[in-house]
């Protein structure tokens, strides 16, 4: 992991509800994800009665 991403990961330790994921997709490609572990889906908002 690059130095900048290590700094971000270290700072996110203060926020245990946020998960930090790093994926190397190739030599010049990478993906970073920030995941809210406390996110709750409201299934009642997904369906609109007809």
PDB file of N, CA and C in Angstrom:
ATOM      1  N   UNK A   1       0.865  -1.176   0.000  1.00  0.00           N
ATOM      2  CA  UNK A   1       0.000   0.000   0.000  1.00  0.00           C
ATOM      3  C   UNK A   1       0.900   1.224   0.000  1.00  0.00           C
ATOM      4  N   UNK A   2       0.516   2.208  -0.804  1.00  0.00           N
ATOM      5  CA  UNK A   2       1.296   3.435  -0.896  1.00  0.00           C
ATOM      6  C   UNK A   2       1.253   4.235   0.398  1.00  0.00           C
ATOM      7  N   UNK A   3       2.188   5.142   0.544  1.00  0.00           N
ATOM      8  CA  UNK A   3       2.291   5.935   1.759  1.00  0.00           C
ATOM      9  C   UNK A   3       1.024   6.753   2.016  1.00  0.00           C
ATOM     10  N   UNK A   4       0.444   7.349   0.966  1.00  0.00           N
ATOM     11  CA  UNK A   4      -0.780   8.139   1.137  1.00  0.00           C
ATOM     12  C   UNK A   4      -1.941   7.300   1.633  1.00  0.00           C
ATOM     13  N   UNK A   5      -2.086   6.098   1.084  1.00  0.00           N
ATOM     14  CA  UNK A   5      -3.174   5.222   1.523  1.00  0.00           C
ATOM     15  C   UNK A   5      -2.933   4.709   2.941  1.00  0.00           C
ATOM     16  N   UNK A   6      -1.686   4.535   3.310  1.00  0.00           N
ATOM     17  CA  UNK A   6      -1.384   4.127   4.691  1.00  0.00           C
ATOM     18  C   UNK A   6      -1.792   5.231   5.657  1.00  0.00           C
ATOM     19  N   UNK A   7      -1.542   6.474   5.287  1.00  0.00           N
ATOM     20  CA  UNK A   7      -1.963   7.596   6.137  1.00  0.00           C
ATOM     21  C   UNK A   7      -3.474   7.625   6.289  1.00  0.00           C
ATOM     22  N   UNK A   8      -4.192   7.400   5.194  1.00  0.00           N
ATOM     23  CA  UNK A   8      -5.663   7.373   5.251  1.00  0.00           C
ATOM     24  C   UNK A   8      -6.128   6.225   6.144  1.00  0.00           C
ATOM     25  N   UNK A   9      -5.548   5.038   5.959  1.00  0.00           N
ATOM     26  CA  UNK A   9      -5.930   3.881   6.773  1.00  0.00           C
ATOM     27  C   UNK A   9      -5.675   4.141   8.253  1.00  0.00           C
ATOM     28  N   UNK A  10      -4.560   4.775   8.561  1.00  0.00           N
ATOM     29  CA  UNK A  10      -4.249   5.098   9.954  1.00  0.00           C
ATOM     30  C   UNK A  10      -5.255   6.081  10.538  1.00  0.00           C
ATOM     31  N   UNK A  11      -5.649   7.083   9.770  1.00  0.00           N
ATOM     32  CA  UNK A  11      -6.638   8.066  10.239  1.00  0.00           C
ATOM     33  C   UNK A  11      -8.004   7.426  10.446  1.00  0.00           C
ATOM     34  N   UNK A  12      -8.351   6.450   9.604  1.00  0.00           N
ATOM     35  CA  UNK A  12      -9.668   5.810   9.710  1.00  0.00           C
ATOM     36  C   UNK A  12      -9.783   4.908  10.929  1.00  0.00           C
ATOM     37  N   UNK A  13      -8.689   4.624  11.603  1.00  0.00           N
ATOM     38  CA  UNK A  13      -8.755   3.823  12.828  1.00  0.00           C
ATOM     39  C   UNK A  13      -9.586   4.518  13.896  1.00  0.00           C
ATOM     40  N   UNK A  14      -9.723   5.831  13.797  1.00  0.00           N
ATOM     41  CA  UNK A  14     -10.548   6.595  14.735  1.00  0.00           C
ATOM     42  C   UNK A  14     -12.039   6.425  14.449  1.00  0.00           C
ATOM     43  N   UNK A  15     -12.364   5.795  13.320  1.00  0.00           N
ATOM     44  CA  UNK A  15     -13.755   5.594  12.916  1.00  0.00           C
ATOM     45  C   UNK A  15     -13.994   4.104  12.692  1.00  0.00           C
ATOM     46  N   UNK A  16     -14.242   3.338  13.755  1.00  0.00           N
ATOM     47  CA  UNK A  16     -14.387   1.883  13.608  1.00  0.00           C
ATOM     48  C   UNK A  16     -15.601   1.475  12.775  1.00  0.00           C
ATOM     49  N   UNK A  17     -16.537   2.392  12.556  1.00  0.00           N
ATOM     50  CA  UNK A  17     -17.717   2.067  11.756  1.00  0.00           C
ATOM     51  C   UNK A  17     -17.425   2.106  10.256  1.00  0.00           C
ATOM     52  N   UNK A  18     -16.236   2.580   9.873  1.00  0.00           N
ATOM     53  CA  UNK A  18     -15.856   2.659   8.462  1.00  0.00           C
ATOM     54  C   UNK A  18     -14.769   1.632   8.171  1.00  0.00           C
ATOM     55  N   UNK A  19     -15.056   0.761   7.211  1.00  0.00           N
ATOM     56  CA  UNK A  19     -14.074  -0.237   6.791  1.00  0.00           C
ATOM     57  C   UNK A  19     -13.361   0.272   5.540  1.00  0.00           C
ATOM     58  N   UNK A  20     -12.072   0.099   5.493  1.00  0.00           N
ATOM     59  CA  UNK A  20     -11.241   0.552   4.388  1.00  0.00           C
ATOM     60  C   UNK A  20     -10.698  -0.681   3.667  1.00  0.00           C
ATOM     61  N   UNK A  21     -10.974  -0.783   2.364  1.00  0.00           N
ATOM     62  CA  UNK A  21     -10.470  -1.909   1.571  1.00  0.00           C
ATOM     63  C   UNK A  21      -9.663  -1.380   0.390  1.00  0.00           C
ATOM     64  N   UNK A  22      -8.583  -2.075   0.086  1.00  0.00           N
ATOM     65  CA  UNK A  22      -7.679  -1.705  -0.991  1.00  0.00           C
ATOM     66  C   UNK A  22      -7.480  -2.927  -1.875  1.00  0.00           C
ATOM     67  N   UNK A  23      -7.691  -2.777  -3.189  1.00  0.00           N
ATOM     68  CA  UNK A  23      -7.508  -3.872  -4.132  1.00  0.00           C
ATOM     69  C   UNK A  23      -6.589  -3.418  -5.252  1.00  0.00           C
ATOM     70  N   UNK A  24      -5.604  -4.230  -5.567  1.00  0.00           N
ATOM     71  CA  UNK A  24      -4.769  -3.983  -6.745  1.00  0.00           C
ATOM     72  C   UNK A  24      -5.374  -4.779  -7.897  1.00  0.00           C
ATOM     73  N   UNK A  25      -5.818  -4.082  -8.933  1.00  0.00           N
ATOM     74  CA  UNK A  25      -6.481  -4.720 -10.069  1.00  0.00           C
ATOM     75  C   UNK A  25      -5.510  -4.984 -11.211  1.00  0.00           C
ATOM     76  N   UNK A  26      -4.345  -4.486 -11.112  1.00  0.00           N
ATOM     77  CA  UNK A  26      -3.344  -4.653 -12.157  1.00  0.00           C
ATOM     78  C   UNK A  26      -2.132  -3.822 -11.812  1.00  0.00           C
ATOM     79  N   UNK A  27      -1.229  -3.737 -12.760  1.00  0.00           N
ATOM     80  CA  UNK A  27       0.006  -3.008 -12.496  1.00  0.00           C
ATOM     81  C   UNK A  27      -0.236  -1.527 -12.256  1.00  0.00           C
ATOM     82  N   UNK A  28      -1.153  -0.931 -13.001  1.00  0.00           N
ATOM     83  CA  UNK A  28      -1.419   0.502 -12.875  1.00  0.00           C
ATOM     84  C   UNK A  28      -2.835   0.798 -12.381  1.00  0.00           C
ATOM     85  N   UNK A  29      -3.543  -0.232 -11.926  1.00  0.00           N
ATOM     86  CA  UNK A  29      -4.921  -0.036 -11.487  1.00  0.00           C
ATOM     87  C   UNK A  29      -5.068  -0.437 -10.027  1.00  0.00           C
ATOM     88  N   UNK A  30      -5.884   0.322  -9.318  1.00  0.00           N
ATOM     89  CA  UNK A  30      -6.216  -0.050  -7.948  1.00  0.00           C
ATOM     90  C   UNK A  30      -7.615   0.454  -7.639  1.00  0.00           C
ATOM     91  N   UNK A  31      -8.201  -0.115  -6.613  1.00  0.00           N
ATOM     92  CA  UNK A  31      -9.549   0.261  -6.188  1.00  0.00           C
ATOM     93  C   UNK A  31      -9.530   0.431  -4.680  1.00  0.00           C
ATOM     94  N   UNK A  32     -10.157   1.495  -4.217  1.00  0.00           N
ATOM     95  CA  UNK A  32     -10.266   1.769  -2.786  1.00  0.00           C
ATOM     96  C   UNK A  32     -11.749   1.832  -2.440  1.00  0.00           C
ATOM     97  N   UNK A  33     -12.138   1.175  -1.359  1.00  0.00           N
ATOM     98  CA  UNK A  33     -13.529   1.200  -0.911  1.00  0.00           C
ATOM     99  C   UNK A  33     -13.588   1.667   0.534  1.00  0.00           C
ATOM    100  N   UNK A  34     -14.576   2.510   0.818  1.00  0.00           N
ATOM    101  CA  UNK A  34     -14.895   2.921   2.177  1.00  0.00           C
ATOM    102  C   UNK A  34     -16.292   2.386   2.453  1.00  0.00           C
ATOM    103  N   UNK A  35     -16.438   1.509   3.428  1.00  0.00           N
ATOM    104  CA  UNK A  35     -17.702   0.833   3.684  1.00  0.00           C
ATOM    105  C   UNK A  35     -18.202   1.201   5.074  1.00  0.00           C
ATOM    106  N   UNK A  36     -19.435   1.701   5.124  1.00  0.00           N
ATOM    107  CA  UNK A  36     -20.067   2.029   6.401  1.00  0.00           C
ATOM    108  C   UNK A  36     -20.636   0.737   6.985  1.00  0.00           C
ATOM    109  N   UNK A  37     -20.025   0.231   8.041  1.00  0.00           N
ATOM    110  CA  UNK A  37     -20.457  -1.029   8.651  1.00  0.00           C
ATOM    111  C   UNK A  37     -21.797  -0.910   9.356  1.00  0.00           C
ATOM    112  N   UNK A  38     -22.206   0.311   9.676  1.00  0.00           N
ATOM    113  CA  UNK A  38     -23.446   0.515  10.429  1.00  0.00           C
ATOM    114  C   UNK A  38     -24.620   0.901   9.527  1.00  0.00           C
ATOM    115  N   UNK A  39     -24.451   0.799   8.218  1.00  0.00           N
ATOM    116  CA  UNK A  39     -25.510   1.167   7.278  1.00  0.00           C
ATOM    117  C   UNK A  39     -26.665   0.182   7.398  1.00  0.00           C
ATOM    118  N   UNK A  40     -27.877   0.710   7.480  1.00  0.00           N
ATOM    119  CA  UNK A  40     -29.083  -0.114   7.579  1.00  0.00           C
ATOM    120  C   UNK A  40     -29.977   0.222   6.395  1.00  0.00           C
ATOM    121  N   UNK A  41     -30.374  -0.801   5.667  1.00  0.00           N
ATOM    122  CA  UNK A  41     -31.248  -0.617   4.513  1.00  0.00           C
ATOM    123  C   UNK A  41     -32.683  -0.521   4.995  1.00  0.00           C
ATOM    124  N   UNK A  42     -33.391   0.495   4.529  1.00  0.00           N
ATOM    125  CA  UNK A  42     -34.811   0.655   4.845  1.00  0.00           C
ATOM    126  C   UNK A  42     -35.600   0.044   3.699  1.00  0.00           C
ATOM    127  N   UNK A  43     -36.037  -1.214   3.868  1.00  0.00           N
ATOM    128  CA  UNK A  43     -36.720  -1.906   2.769  1.00  0.00           C
ATOM    129  C   UNK A  43     -38.108  -1.337   2.510  1.00  0.00           C
ATOM    130  N   UNK A  44     -38.690  -0.607   3.454  1.00  0.00           N
ATOM    131  CA  UNK A  44     -40.009  -0.022   3.220  1.00  0.00           C
ATOM    132  C   UNK A  44     -39.935   1.120   2.210  1.00  0.00           C
ATOM    133  N   UNK A  45     -38.782   1.745   2.065  1.00  0.00           N
ATOM    134  CA  UNK A  45     -38.632   2.857   1.129  1.00  0.00           C
ATOM    135  C   UNK A  45     -38.387   2.375  -0.294  1.00  0.00           C
ATOM    136  N   UNK A  46     -38.096   1.103  -0.467  1.00  0.00           N
ATOM    137  CA  UNK A  46     -37.785   0.582  -1.789  1.00  0.00           C
ATOM    138  C   UNK A  46     -39.032   0.228  -2.606  1.00  0.00           C
ATOM    139  N   UNK A  47     -40.132  -0.029  -1.935  1.00  0.00           N
ATOM    140  CA  UNK A  47     -41.329  -0.467  -2.639  1.00  0.00           C
ATOM    141  C   UNK A  47     -42.433   0.571  -2.503  1.00  0.00           C
ATOM    142  N   UNK A  48     -42.949   0.995  -3.636  1.00  0.00           N
ATOM    143  CA  UNK A  48     -44.025   1.974  -3.649  1.00  0.00           C
ATOM    144  C   UNK A  48     -45.308   1.248  -4.029  1.00  0.00           C
ATOM    145  N   UNK A  49     -46.333   1.302  -3.182  1.00  0.00           N
ATOM    146  CA  UNK A  49     -47.587   0.600  -3.508  1.00  0.00           C
ATOM    147  C   UNK A  49     -48.261   1.253  -4.724  1.00  0.00           C
ATOM    148  N   UNK A  50     -48.847   0.436  -5.542  1.00  0.00           N
ATOM    149  CA  UNK A  50     -49.514   0.924  -6.763  1.00  0.00           C
ATOM    150  C   UNK A  50     -50.999   1.098  -6.516  1.00  0.00           C
TER     151      UNK A  50
END
